[in-house]
PDB file of N, CA and C in Angstrom:
ATOM      1  N   SER A   1       0.849  -1.093   0.035  1.00  0.00           N
ATOM      2  CA  SER A   1       0.032  -0.062   0.058  1.00  0.00           C
ATOM      3  C   SER A   1       0.814   1.299   0.034  1.00  0.00           C
ATOM      4  N   ILE A   2       0.294   2.274  -0.554  1.00  0.00           N
ATOM      5  CA  ILE A   2       1.064   3.564  -0.673  1.00  0.00           C
ATOM      6  C   ILE A   2       0.537   4.452   0.506  1.00  0.00           C
ATOM      7  N   VAL A   3       1.429   4.948   1.379  1.00  0.00           N
ATOM      8  CA  VAL A   3       1.149   5.832   2.451  1.00  0.00           C
ATOM      9  C   VAL A   3       1.157   7.156   1.985  1.00  0.00           C
ATOM     10  N   GLY A   4       2.163   7.837   1.045  1.00  0.00           N
ATOM     11  CA  GLY A   4       2.267   9.020   0.764  1.00  0.00           C
ATOM     12  C   GLY A   4       1.188   9.557  -0.415  1.00  0.00           C
ATOM     13  N   GLY A   5       0.316   8.783  -0.789  1.00  0.00           N
ATOM     14  CA  GLY A   5      -0.502   9.144  -1.790  1.00  0.00           C
ATOM     15  C   GLY A   5      -0.192   8.728  -3.093  1.00  0.00           C
ATOM     16  N   ARG A   6      -0.933   9.171  -4.307  1.00  0.00           N
ATOM     17  CA  ARG A   6      -0.564   8.699  -5.597  1.00  0.00           C
ATOM     18  C   ARG A   6       0.455   9.605  -6.278  1.00  0.00           C
ATOM     19  N   GLY A   7       1.285   9.098  -6.854  1.00  0.00           N
ATOM     20  CA  GLY A   7       2.283  10.006  -7.787  1.00  0.00           C
ATOM     21  C   GLY A   7       3.461  10.026  -6.820  1.00  0.00           C
ATOM     22  N   GLY A   8       4.482  10.697  -7.212  1.00  0.00           N
ATOM     23  CA  GLY A   8       5.841  10.880  -6.554  1.00  0.00           C
ATOM     24  C   GLY A   8       5.724  11.568  -5.226  1.00  0.00           C
ATOM     25  N   GLY A   9       5.092  10.976  -4.182  1.00  0.00           N
ATOM     26  CA  GLY A   9       5.094  11.314  -2.943  1.00  0.00           C
ATOM     27  C   GLY A   9       6.543  11.238  -2.358  1.00  0.00           C
ATOM     28  N   TRP A  10       6.577  11.760  -1.110  1.00  0.00           N
ATOM     29  CA  TRP A  10       7.821  11.842  -0.340  1.00  0.00           C
ATOM     30  C   TRP A  10       8.210  10.573   0.426  1.00  0.00           C
ATOM     31  N   ARG A  11       7.137   9.829   0.798  1.00  0.00           N
ATOM     32  CA  ARG A  11       7.379   8.631   1.605  1.00  0.00           C
ATOM     33  C   ARG A  11       6.459   7.487   1.259  1.00  0.00           C
ATOM     34  N   GLY A  12       6.931   6.384   1.721  1.00  0.00           N
ATOM     35  CA  GLY A  12       5.982   5.216   1.672  1.00  0.00           C
ATOM     36  C   GLY A  12       5.841   4.586   0.177  1.00  0.00           C
ATOM     37  N   GLU A  13       6.561   5.031  -0.776  1.00  0.00           N
ATOM     38  CA  GLU A  13       6.089   4.594  -2.155  1.00  0.00           C
ATOM     39  C   GLU A  13       7.098   3.405  -2.388  1.00  0.00           C
ATOM     40  N   MET A  14       6.586   2.231  -2.792  1.00  0.00           N
ATOM     41  CA  MET A  14       7.498   1.222  -2.915  1.00  0.00           C
ATOM     42  C   MET A  14       7.904   0.960  -4.228  1.00  0.00           C
ATOM     43  N   ASN A  15       7.233   1.320  -5.325  1.00  0.00           N
ATOM     44  CA  ASN A  15       7.676   1.179  -6.629  1.00  0.00           C
ATOM     45  C   ASN A  15       8.687   2.134  -7.159  1.00  0.00           C
ATOM     46  N   GLY A  16       8.717   3.319  -6.642  1.00  0.00           N
ATOM     47  CA  GLY A  16       9.507   4.360  -7.090  1.00  0.00           C
ATOM     48  C   GLY A  16      11.044   4.174  -6.432  1.00  0.00           C
ATOM     49  N   PRO A  17      11.934   4.940  -7.219  1.00  0.00           N
ATOM     50  CA  PRO A  17      13.287   4.765  -6.839  1.00  0.00           C
ATOM     51  C   PRO A  17      13.480   5.599  -5.518  1.00  0.00           C
ATOM     52  N   ALA A  18      14.456   5.018  -4.645  1.00  0.00           N
ATOM     53  CA  ALA A  18      14.517   5.652  -3.439  1.00  0.00           C
ATOM     54  C   ALA A  18      15.594   6.872  -3.293  1.00  0.00           C
ATOM     55  N   GLU A  19      16.403   6.866  -4.304  1.00  0.00           N
ATOM     56  CA  GLU A  19      17.474   7.920  -4.446  1.00  0.00           C
ATOM     57  C   GLU A  19      17.006   9.441  -4.709  1.00  0.00           C
ATOM     58  N   PRO A  20      16.196   9.480  -5.774  1.00  0.00           N
ATOM     59  CA  PRO A  20      15.763  10.886  -6.193  1.00  0.00           C
ATOM     60  C   PRO A  20      15.122  11.635  -5.105  1.00  0.00           C
ATOM     61  N   GLU A  21      14.209  11.043  -4.306  1.00  0.00           N
ATOM     62  CA  GLU A  21      13.416  11.772  -3.285  1.00  0.00           C
ATOM     63  C   GLU A  21      14.384  12.360  -2.311  1.00  0.00           C
ATOM     64  N   PRO A  22      15.288  11.773  -1.635  1.00  0.00           N
ATOM     65  CA  PRO A  22      16.120  12.380  -0.716  1.00  0.00           C
ATOM     66  C   PRO A  22      17.012  13.521  -1.346  1.00  0.00           C
ATOM     67  N   ALA A  23      17.524  13.230  -2.382  1.00  0.00           N
ATOM     68  CA  ALA A  23      18.121  14.356  -3.158  1.00  0.00           C
ATOM     69  C   ALA A  23      17.322  15.649  -3.414  1.00  0.00           C
ATOM     70  N   ALA A  24      16.055  15.187  -3.970  1.00  0.00           N
ATOM     71  CA  ALA A  24      15.246  16.482  -4.012  1.00  0.00           C
ATOM     72  C   ALA A  24      14.841  17.105  -2.891  1.00  0.00           C
ATOM     73  N   ARG A  25      14.765  16.381  -1.838  1.00  0.00           N
ATOM     74  CA  ARG A  25      14.498  16.929  -0.461  1.00  0.00           C
ATOM     75  C   ARG A  25      15.739  17.836   0.006  1.00  0.00           C
ATOM     76  N   ARG A  26      16.935  17.285  -0.081  1.00  0.00           N
ATOM     77  CA  ARG A  26      18.003  17.955   0.225  1.00  0.00           C
ATOM     78  C   ARG A  26      18.166  19.353  -0.537  1.00  0.00           C
ATOM     79  N   ARG A  27      17.773  19.197  -1.811  1.00  0.00           N
ATOM     80  CA  ARG A  27      17.921  20.422  -2.703  1.00  0.00           C
ATOM     81  C   ARG A  27      16.832  21.318  -2.264  1.00  0.00           C
ATOM     82  N   TYR A  28      15.629  20.831  -1.983  1.00  0.00           N
ATOM     83  CA  TYR A  28      14.603  21.758  -1.547  1.00  0.00           C
ATOM     84  C   TYR A  28      14.923  22.631  -0.180  1.00  0.00           C
ATOM     85  N   ARG A  29      15.552  21.896   0.715  1.00  0.00           N
ATOM     86  CA  ARG A  29      16.091  22.363   2.003  1.00  0.00           C
ATOM     87  C   ARG A  29      17.225  23.493   1.734  1.00  0.00           C
ATOM     88  N   ALA A  30      18.079  23.109   0.782  1.00  0.00           N
ATOM     89  CA  ALA A  30      19.153  23.961   0.585  1.00  0.00           C
ATOM     90  C   ALA A  30      18.701  25.280  -0.056  1.00  0.00           C
ATOM     91  N   LEU A  31      17.561  25.119  -1.010  1.00  0.00           N
ATOM     92  CA  LEU A  31      17.213  26.444  -1.619  1.00  0.00           C
ATOM     93  C   LEU A  31      16.194  27.108  -0.572  1.00  0.00           C
ATOM     94  N   LYS A  32      15.572  26.401   0.222  1.00  0.00           N
ATOM     95  CA  LYS A  32      14.813  27.219   1.306  1.00  0.00           C
ATOM     96  C   LYS A  32      15.830  27.996   2.061  1.00  0.00           C
ATOM     97  N   ARG A  33      16.916  27.237   2.555  1.00  0.00           N
ATOM     98  CA  ARG A  33      17.862  28.107   3.379  1.00  0.00           C
ATOM     99  C   ARG A  33      18.425  29.394   2.737  1.00  0.00           C
ATOM    100  N   ARG A  34      18.658  29.138   1.412  1.00  0.00           N
ATOM    101  CA  ARG A  34      19.239  30.141   0.626  1.00  0.00           C
ATOM    102  C   ARG A  34      18.175  31.300   0.435  1.00  0.00           C
ATOM    103  N   LEU A  35      16.989  30.971   0.334  1.00  0.00           N
ATOM    104  CA  LEU A  35      15.855  32.096   0.252  1.00  0.00           C
ATOM    105  C   LEU A  35      15.817  32.687   1.480  1.00  0.00           C
ATOM    106  N   LYS A  36      15.851  32.130   2.684  1.00  0.00           N
ATOM    107  CA  LYS A  36      15.770  32.702   3.981  1.00  0.00           C
ATOM    108  C   LYS A  36      16.952  33.739   4.039  1.00  0.00           C
ATOM    109  N   LEU A  37      18.126  33.253   3.727  1.00  0.00           N
ATOM    110  CA  LEU A  37      19.320  34.147   3.859  1.00  0.00           C
ATOM    111  C   LEU A  37      19.120  35.362   2.831  1.00  0.00           C
ATOM    112  N   LEU A  38      18.696  35.182   1.651  1.00  0.00           N
ATOM    113  CA  LEU A  38      18.559  36.271   0.695  1.00  0.00           C
ATOM    114  C   LEU A  38      17.437  37.258   1.215  1.00  0.00           C
ATOM    115  N   LEU A  39      16.380  36.751   1.814  1.00  0.00           N
ATOM    116  CA  LEU A  39      15.411  37.755   2.430  1.00  0.00           C
ATOM    117  C   LEU A  39      16.049  38.481   3.626  1.00  0.00           C
ATOM    118  N   TYR A  40      16.717  37.831   4.292  1.00  0.00           N
ATOM    119  CA  TYR A  40      17.418  38.455   5.543  1.00  0.00           C
ATOM    120  C   TYR A  40      18.380  39.573   4.968  1.00  0.00           C
ATOM    121  N   GLU A  41      19.107  39.258   3.884  1.00  0.00           N
ATOM    122  CA  GLU A  41      20.085  40.183   3.329  1.00  0.00           C
ATOM    123  C   GLU A  41      19.231  41.282   2.708  1.00  0.00           C
ATOM    124  N   GLN A  42      18.158  40.970   2.033  1.00  0.00           N
ATOM    125  CA  GLN A  42      17.366  42.125   1.469  1.00  0.00           C
ATOM    126  C   GLN A  42      16.962  43.131   2.561  1.00  0.00           C
ATOM    127  N   GLU A  43      16.454  42.602   3.686  1.00  0.00           N
ATOM    128  CA  GLU A  43      16.046  43.176   4.784  1.00  0.00           C
ATOM    129  C   GLU A  43      17.195  44.274   5.107  1.00  0.00           C
ATOM    130  N   CYS A  44      18.150  43.671   5.466  1.00  0.00           N
ATOM    131  CA  CYS A  44      19.409  44.462   5.855  1.00  0.00           C
ATOM    132  C   CYS A  44      19.806  45.716   4.866  1.00  0.00           C
ATOM    133  N   PHE A  45      19.750  45.310   3.658  1.00  0.00           N
ATOM    134  CA  PHE A  45      20.026  46.333   2.540  1.00  0.00           C
ATOM    135  C   PHE A  45      18.918  47.531   2.590  1.00  0.00           C
ATOM    136  N   GLN A  46      17.662  46.966   2.865  1.00  0.00           N
ATOM    137  CA  GLN A  46      16.767  48.029   2.792  1.00  0.00           C
ATOM    138  C   GLN A  46      16.830  48.898   4.178  1.00  0.00           C
ATOM    139  N   ASP A  47      17.037  48.439   5.339  1.00  0.00           N
ATOM    140  CA  ASP A  47      17.494  49.257   6.357  1.00  0.00           C
ATOM    141  C   ASP A  47      18.747  50.225   6.166  1.00  0.00           C
ATOM    142  N   GLU A  48      19.575  49.596   5.411  1.00  0.00           N
ATOM    143  CA  GLU A  48      20.743  50.445   5.202  1.00  0.00           C
ATOM    144  C   GLU A  48      20.274  51.630   4.275  1.00  0.00           C
ATOM    145  N   LEU A  49      19.424  51.371   3.282  1.00  0.00           N
ATOM    146  CA  LEU A  49      19.034  52.197   2.276  1.00  0.00           C
ATOM    147  C   LEU A  49      18.292  53.404   3.030  1.00  0.00           C
ATOM    148  N   ARG A  50      17.371  53.062   3.887  1.00  0.00           N
ATOM    149  CA  ARG A  50      16.632  53.906   4.572  1.00  0.00           C
ATOM    150  C   ARG A  50      17.414  54.913   5.480  1.00  0.00           C
ATOM    151  N   ARG A  51      18.404  54.283   6.072  1.00  0.00           N
ATOM    152  CA  ARG A  51      19.434  55.108   6.800  1.00  0.00           C
ATOM    153  C   ARG A  51      20.090  56.232   5.994  1.00  0.00           C
ATOM    154  N   ALA A  52      20.536  55.793   4.814  1.00  0.00           N
ATOM    155  CA  ALA A  52      21.209  56.590   3.838  1.00  0.00           C
ATOM    156  C   ALA A  52      20.396  57.683   3.321  1.00  0.00           C
ATOM    157  N   GLN A  53      19.030  57.319   2.999  1.00  0.00           N
ATOM    158  CA  GLN A  53      18.083  58.382   2.586  1.00  0.00           C
ATOM    159  C   GLN A  53      17.952  59.403   3.507  1.00  0.00           C
ATOM    160  N   ARG A  54      17.854  59.006   4.869  1.00  0.00           N
ATOM    161  CA  ARG A  54      17.518  59.930   5.911  1.00  0.00           C
ATOM    162  C   ARG A  54      18.834  60.869   6.053  1.00  0.00           C
ATOM    163  N   LYS A  55      19.890  60.146   5.895  1.00  0.00           N
ATOM    164  CA  LYS A  55      21.214  61.062   6.125  1.00  0.00           C
ATOM    165  C   LYS A  55      21.275  62.040   4.896  1.00  0.00           C
ATOM    166  N   LEU A  56      20.931  61.527   3.751  1.00  0.00           N
ATOM    167  CA  LEU A  56      20.988  62.479   2.514  1.00  0.00           C
ATOM    168  C   LEU A  56      19.949  63.584   2.731  1.00  0.00           C
ATOM    169  N   LEU A  57      18.841  63.304   3.201  1.00  0.00           N
ATOM    170  CA  LEU A  57      17.841  64.264   3.416  1.00  0.00           C
ATOM    171  C   LEU A  57      18.256  65.289   4.304  1.00  0.00           C
ATOM    172  N   ARG A  58      18.870  64.920   5.424  1.00  0.00           N
ATOM    173  CA  ARG A  58      19.340  65.891   6.512  1.00  0.00           C
ATOM    174  C   ARG A  58      20.625  66.691   5.775  1.00  0.00           C
ATOM    175  N   VAL A  59      21.500  66.095   5.132  1.00  0.00           N
ATOM    176  CA  VAL A  59      22.499  66.736   4.353  1.00  0.00           C
ATOM    177  C   VAL A  59      21.971  67.776   3.353  1.00  0.00           C
ATOM    178  N   ALA A  60      20.901  67.421   2.693  1.00  0.00           N
ATOM    179  CA  ALA A  60      20.415  68.402   1.771  1.00  0.00           C
ATOM    180  C   ALA A  60      19.764  69.508   2.202  1.00  0.00           C
ATOM    181  N   ARG A  61      19.149  69.223   3.493  1.00  0.00           N
ATOM    182  CA  ARG A  61      18.521  70.429   4.273  1.00  0.00           C
ATOM    183  C   ARG A  61      19.553  71.326   4.765  1.00  0.00           C
ATOM    184  N   ASP A  62      20.633  70.629   5.371  1.00  0.00           N
ATOM    185  CA  ASP A  62      21.820  71.511   5.979  1.00  0.00           C
ATOM    186  C   ASP A  62      22.451  72.337   4.649  1.00  0.00           C
ATOM    187  N   LYS A  63      22.631  71.983   3.544  1.00  0.00           N
ATOM    188  CA  LYS A  63      23.152  72.545   2.384  1.00  0.00           C
ATOM    189  C   LYS A  63      22.218  73.762   2.177  1.00  0.00           C
ATOM    190  N   SER A  64      20.917  73.593   2.105  1.00  0.00           N
ATOM    191  CA  SER A  64      20.023  74.578   1.670  1.00  0.00           C
ATOM    192  C   SER A  64      20.083  75.638   2.814  1.00  0.00           C
ATOM    193  N   PHE A  65      20.065  75.266   3.927  1.00  0.00           N
ATOM    194  CA  PHE A  65      20.067  76.292   5.031  1.00  0.00           C
ATOM    195  C   PHE A  65      21.483  77.068   4.926  1.00  0.00           C
ATOM    196  N   LEU A  66      22.552  76.587   4.728  1.00  0.00           N
ATOM    197  CA  LEU A  66      23.952  77.007   4.647  1.00  0.00           C
ATOM    198  C   LEU A  66      24.033  78.107   3.342  1.00  0.00           C
ATOM    199  N   LEU A  67      23.437  77.632   2.246  1.00  0.00           N
ATOM    200  CA  LEU A  67      23.372  78.466   1.076  1.00  0.00           C
ATOM    201  C   LEU A  67      22.550  79.736   1.348  1.00  0.00           C
ATOM    202  N   ASP A  68      21.354  79.493   1.895  1.00  0.00           N
ATOM    203  CA  ASP A  68      20.523  80.789   2.380  1.00  0.00           C
ATOM    204  C   ASP A  68      21.281  81.578   3.305  1.00  0.00           C
ATOM    205  N   ARG A  69      22.004  81.001   4.208  1.00  0.00           N
ATOM    206  CA  ARG A  69      22.765  81.816   5.021  1.00  0.00           C
ATOM    207  C   ARG A  69      23.816  82.659   4.424  1.00  0.00           C
ATOM    208  N   LEU A  70      24.585  81.879   3.690  1.00  0.00           N
ATOM    209  CA  LEU A  70      25.697  82.446   2.863  1.00  0.00           C
ATOM    210  C   LEU A  70      25.095  83.651   1.884  1.00  0.00           C
ATOM    211  N   LEU A  71      23.997  83.510   1.298  1.00  0.00           N
ATOM    212  CA  LEU A  71      23.352  84.493   0.509  1.00  0.00           C
ATOM    213  C   LEU A  71      22.981  85.687   1.227  1.00  0.00           C
ATOM    214  N   GLN A  72      22.504  85.593   2.532  1.00  0.00           N
ATOM    215  CA  GLN A  72      22.160  86.756   3.389  1.00  0.00           C
ATOM    216  C   GLN A  72      23.639  87.404   3.632  1.00  0.00           C
ATOM    217  N   TYR A  73      24.594  86.941   4.052  1.00  0.00           N
ATOM    218  CA  TYR A  73      26.051  87.509   4.330  1.00  0.00           C
ATOM    219  C   TYR A  73      26.508  88.177   3.101  1.00  0.00           C
ATOM    220  N   GLU A  74      26.388  87.577   1.909  1.00  0.00           N
ATOM    221  CA  GLU A  74      26.714  88.133   0.630  1.00  0.00           C
ATOM    222  C   GLU A  74      26.022  89.267   0.438  1.00  0.00           C
ATOM    223  N   ASN A  75      24.600  89.348   0.622  1.00  0.00           N
ATOM    224  CA  ASN A  75      23.888  90.510   0.540  1.00  0.00           C
ATOM    225  C   ASN A  75      24.300  91.783   1.325  1.00  0.00           C
ATOM    226  N   VAL A  76      24.559  91.443   2.618  1.00  0.00           N
ATOM    227  CA  VAL A  76      25.112  92.376   3.584  1.00  0.00           C
ATOM    228  C   VAL A  76      26.499  92.920   3.152  1.00  0.00           C
ATOM    229  N   GLU A  77      27.420  92.100   2.729  1.00  0.00           N
ATOM    230  CA  GLU A  77      28.830  92.547   2.405  1.00  0.00           C
ATOM    231  C   GLU A  77      28.673  93.443   1.217  1.00  0.00           C
ATOM    232  N   ASP A  78      27.793  93.000   0.203  1.00  0.00           N
ATOM    233  CA  ASP A  78      27.748  93.860  -1.088  1.00  0.00           C
ATOM    234  C   ASP A  78      27.103  95.183  -0.750  1.00  0.00           C
ATOM    235  N   ASP A  79      26.030  95.205   0.029  1.00  0.00           N
ATOM    236  CA  ASP A  79      25.572  96.472   0.404  1.00  0.00           C
ATOM    237  C   ASP A  79      26.659  97.474   1.170  1.00  0.00           C
ATOM    238  N   SER A  80      27.299  96.750   2.164  1.00  0.00           N
ATOM    239  CA  SER A  80      28.404  97.574   2.841  1.00  0.00           C
ATOM    240  C   SER A  80      29.550  98.092   1.893  1.00  0.00           C
ATOM    241  N   THR A  81      29.803  97.138   1.004  1.00  0.00           N
ATOM    242  CA  THR A  81      30.993  97.510   0.093  1.00  0.00           C
ATOM    243  C   THR A  81      30.381  98.635  -0.980  1.00  0.00           C
ATOM    244  N   ASP A  82      29.242  98.546  -1.393  1.00  0.00           N
ATOM    245  CA  ASP A  82      28.535  99.543  -2.244  1.00  0.00           C
ATOM    246  C   ASP A  82      28.479 100.827  -1.530  1.00  0.00           C
ATOM    247  N   SER A  83      28.083 100.928  -0.343  1.00  0.00           N
ATOM    248  CA  SER A  83      27.930 102.283   0.444  1.00  0.00           C
ATOM    249  C   SER A  83      29.264 102.734   0.659  1.00  0.00           C
ATOM    250  N   GLU A  84      30.380 101.964   1.002  1.00  0.00           N
ATOM    251  CA  GLU A  84      31.684 102.376   1.270  1.00  0.00           C
ATOM    252  C   GLU A  84      32.236 103.038  -0.111  1.00  0.00           C
ATOM    253  N   ALA A  85      31.963 102.485  -1.163  1.00  0.00           N
ATOM    254  CA  ALA A  85      32.518 102.931  -2.479  1.00  0.00           C
ATOM    255  C   ALA A  85      31.737 104.233  -2.676  1.00  0.00           C
ATOM    256  N   THR A  86      30.424 104.280  -2.614  1.00  0.00           N
ATOM    257  CA  THR A  86      29.751 105.466  -2.689  1.00  0.00           C
ATOM    258  C   THR A  86      30.200 106.634  -1.819  1.00  0.00           C
ATOM    259  N   ALA A  87      30.517 106.453  -0.716  1.00  0.00           N
ATOM    260  CA  ALA A  87      31.057 107.447   0.182  1.00  0.00           C
ATOM    261  C   ALA A  87      32.333 107.851  -0.239  1.00  0.00           C
ATOM    262  N   SER A  88      33.248 107.022  -0.569  1.00  0.00           N
ATOM    263  CA  SER A  88      34.601 107.352  -1.116  1.00  0.00           C
ATOM    264  C   SER A  88      34.462 108.136  -2.318  1.00  0.00           C
ATOM    265  N   SER A  89      33.512 107.850  -3.252  1.00  0.00           N
ATOM    266  CA  SER A  89      33.462 108.613  -4.529  1.00  0.00           C
ATOM    267  C   SER A  89      32.852 109.998  -4.120  1.00  0.00           C
ATOM    268  N   ASP A  90      31.995 110.084  -3.282  1.00  0.00           N
ATOM    269  CA  ASP A  90      31.394 111.499  -2.867  1.00  0.00           C
ATOM    270  C   ASP A  90      32.409 112.239  -2.277  1.00  0.00           C
ATOM    271  N   ASN A  91      33.305 111.753  -1.373  1.00  0.00           N
ATOM    272  CA  ASN A  91      34.350 112.422  -0.767  1.00  0.00           C
ATOM    273  C   ASN A  91      35.271 112.843  -1.683  1.00  0.00           C
ATOM    274  N   SER A  92      35.649 112.134  -2.819  1.00  0.00           N
ATOM    275  CA  SER A  92      36.705 112.513  -3.818  1.00  0.00           C
ATOM    276  C   SER A  92      36.297 113.692  -4.735  1.00  0.00           C
ATOM    277  N   ASP A  93      34.876 113.830  -4.802  1.00  0.00           N
ATOM    278  CA  ASP A  93      34.565 115.083  -5.521  1.00  0.00           C
ATOM    279  C   ASP A  93      34.456 116.322  -4.724  1.00  0.00           C
ATOM    280  N   GLU A  94      34.425 116.197  -3.481  1.00  0.00           N
ATOM    281  CA  GLU A  94      34.484 117.361  -2.607  1.00  0.00           C
ATOM    282  C   GLU A  94      35.869 117.992  -2.406  1.00  0.00           C
ATOM    283  N   PRO A  95      36.034 119.328  -2.134  1.00  0.00           N
ATOM    284  CA  PRO A  95      37.438 119.775  -1.943  1.00  0.00           C
ATOM    285  C   PRO A  95      38.024 119.215  -0.698  1.00  0.00           C
ATOM    286  N   ASP A  96      39.369 119.299  -0.729  1.00  0.00           N
ATOM    287  CA  ASP A  96      39.931 118.654   0.464  1.00  0.00           C
ATOM    288  C   ASP A  96      39.514 119.033   1.876  1.00  0.00           C
ATOM    289  N   GLY A  97      39.068 118.008   2.549  1.00  0.00           N
ATOM    290  CA  GLY A  97      38.647 118.201   4.049  1.00  0.00           C
ATOM    291  C   GLY A  97      37.331 118.922   4.159  1.00  0.00           C
ATOM    292  N   ALA A  98      36.715 119.247   2.994  1.00  0.00           N
ATOM    293  CA  ALA A  98      35.382 119.883   3.023  1.00  0.00           C
ATOM    294  C   ALA A  98      34.199 118.778   2.961  1.00  0.00           C
ATOM    295  N   LYS A  99      33.380 118.889   3.982  1.00  0.00           N
ATOM    296  CA  LYS A  99      32.380 118.030   3.974  1.00  0.00           C
ATOM    297  C   LYS A  99      30.908 118.730   3.760  1.00  0.00           C
ATOM    298  N   GLY A 100      30.060 118.328   2.945  1.00  0.00           N
ATOM    299  CA  GLY A 100      28.882 119.002   2.859  1.00  0.00           C
ATOM    300  C   GLY A 100      27.926 118.418   3.848  1.00  0.00           C
ATOM    301  N   GLY A 101      26.801 118.869   3.744  1.00  0.00           N
ATOM    302  CA  GLY A 101      25.806 118.307   4.647  1.00  0.00           C
ATOM    303  C   GLY A 101      25.166 117.102   4.309  1.00  0.00           C
ATOM    304  N   GLY A 102      25.762 116.270   3.498  1.00  0.00           N
ATOM    305  CA  GLY A 102      25.275 115.051   2.980  1.00  0.00           C
ATOM    306  C   GLY A 102      25.249 114.095   3.952  1.00  0.00           C
ATOM    307  N   GLY A 103      25.473 114.054   5.228  1.00  0.00           N
ATOM    308  CA  GLY A 103      25.548 113.074   6.173  1.00  0.00           C
ATOM    309  C   GLY A 103      24.146 112.276   6.504  1.00  0.00           C
ATOM    310  N   ASP A 104      23.055 113.110   6.173  1.00  0.00           N
ATOM    311  CA  ASP A 104      21.687 112.467   6.374  1.00  0.00           C
ATOM    312  C   ASP A 104      21.137 111.742   5.215  1.00  0.00           C
ATOM    313  N   ALA A 105      21.981 111.522   4.091  1.00  0.00           N
ATOM    314  CA  ALA A 105      21.331 110.776   2.914  1.00  0.00           C
ATOM    315  C   ALA A 105      21.067 109.317   3.290  1.00  0.00           C
ATOM    316  N   PRO A 106      19.989 108.932   2.779  1.00  0.00           N
ATOM    317  CA  PRO A 106      19.529 107.453   3.058  1.00  0.00           C
ATOM    318  C   PRO A 106      20.419 106.583   2.505  1.00  0.00           C
ATOM    319  N   PRO A 107      20.583 105.307   3.039  1.00  0.00           N
ATOM    320  CA  PRO A 107      21.587 104.266   2.293  1.00  0.00           C
ATOM    321  C   PRO A 107      21.017 103.901   1.057  1.00  0.00           C
ATOM    322  N   PRO A 108      21.563 103.357   0.252  1.00  0.00           N
ATOM    323  CA  PRO A 108      21.122 102.762  -1.184  1.00  0.00           C
ATOM    324  C   PRO A 108      20.170 101.643  -0.884  1.00  0.00           C
ATOM    325  N   PRO A 109      19.328 101.254  -1.625  1.00  0.00           N
ATOM    326  CA  PRO A 109      18.508 100.136  -1.465  1.00  0.00           C
ATOM    327  C   PRO A 109      19.183  98.921  -1.746  1.00  0.00           C
ATOM    328  N   LYS A 110      18.818  97.915  -0.885  1.00  0.00           N
ATOM    329  CA  LYS A 110      19.507  96.593  -1.048  1.00  0.00           C
ATOM    330  C   LYS A 110      19.029  95.867  -2.277  1.00  0.00           C
ATOM    331  N   ARG A 111      19.953  95.309  -3.012  1.00  0.00           N
ATOM    332  CA  ARG A 111      19.798  94.498  -4.103  1.00  0.00           C
ATOM    333  C   ARG A 111      19.758  93.000  -3.740  1.00  0.00           C
ATOM    334  N   LYS A 112      18.999  92.235  -4.274  1.00  0.00           N
ATOM    335  CA  LYS A 112      18.895  90.930  -4.174  1.00  0.00           C
ATOM    336  C   LYS A 112      19.769  90.171  -5.291  1.00  0.00           C
ATOM    337  N   ARG A 113      20.531  89.180  -5.039  1.00  0.00           N
ATOM    338  CA  ARG A 113      21.153  88.527  -6.172  1.00  0.00           C
ATOM    339  C   ARG A 113      20.558  87.265  -6.482  1.00  0.00           C
ATOM    340  N   SER A 114      20.528  86.808  -7.622  1.00  0.00           N
ATOM    341  CA  SER A 114      19.894  85.739  -8.061  1.00  0.00           C
ATOM    342  C   SER A 114      20.822  84.483  -7.860  1.00  0.00           C
ATOM    343  N   PRO A 115      20.431  83.407  -7.422  1.00  0.00           N
ATOM    344  CA  PRO A 115      21.260  82.290  -7.133  1.00  0.00           C
ATOM    345  C   PRO A 115      22.120  81.705  -8.244  1.00  0.00           C
TER     346      PRO A 115
END
């Protein structure tokens, strides 16, 4: 009698060859172990990818913040350099040591630079 059922069952079949079943079972178990290993490896890679993406996002935000900050400082430096250049050119037109009543003149408007 056949315990494993009809067709190439795993156990109890008297008429079939005994060798291919254990070999197939070993191969199945080896492939199953390999699948588990690959799934674990994939999980590890996904975790690493998520960490790298978070780090990249943080770095991109820092970069944006620093560039904005740098642009603010460049605008301040440009404005102070422009006002100094204007003051020196105003003084060069006047006679030596003579200053007119132009001390109350408003500062030049700030210019925004395009990135």
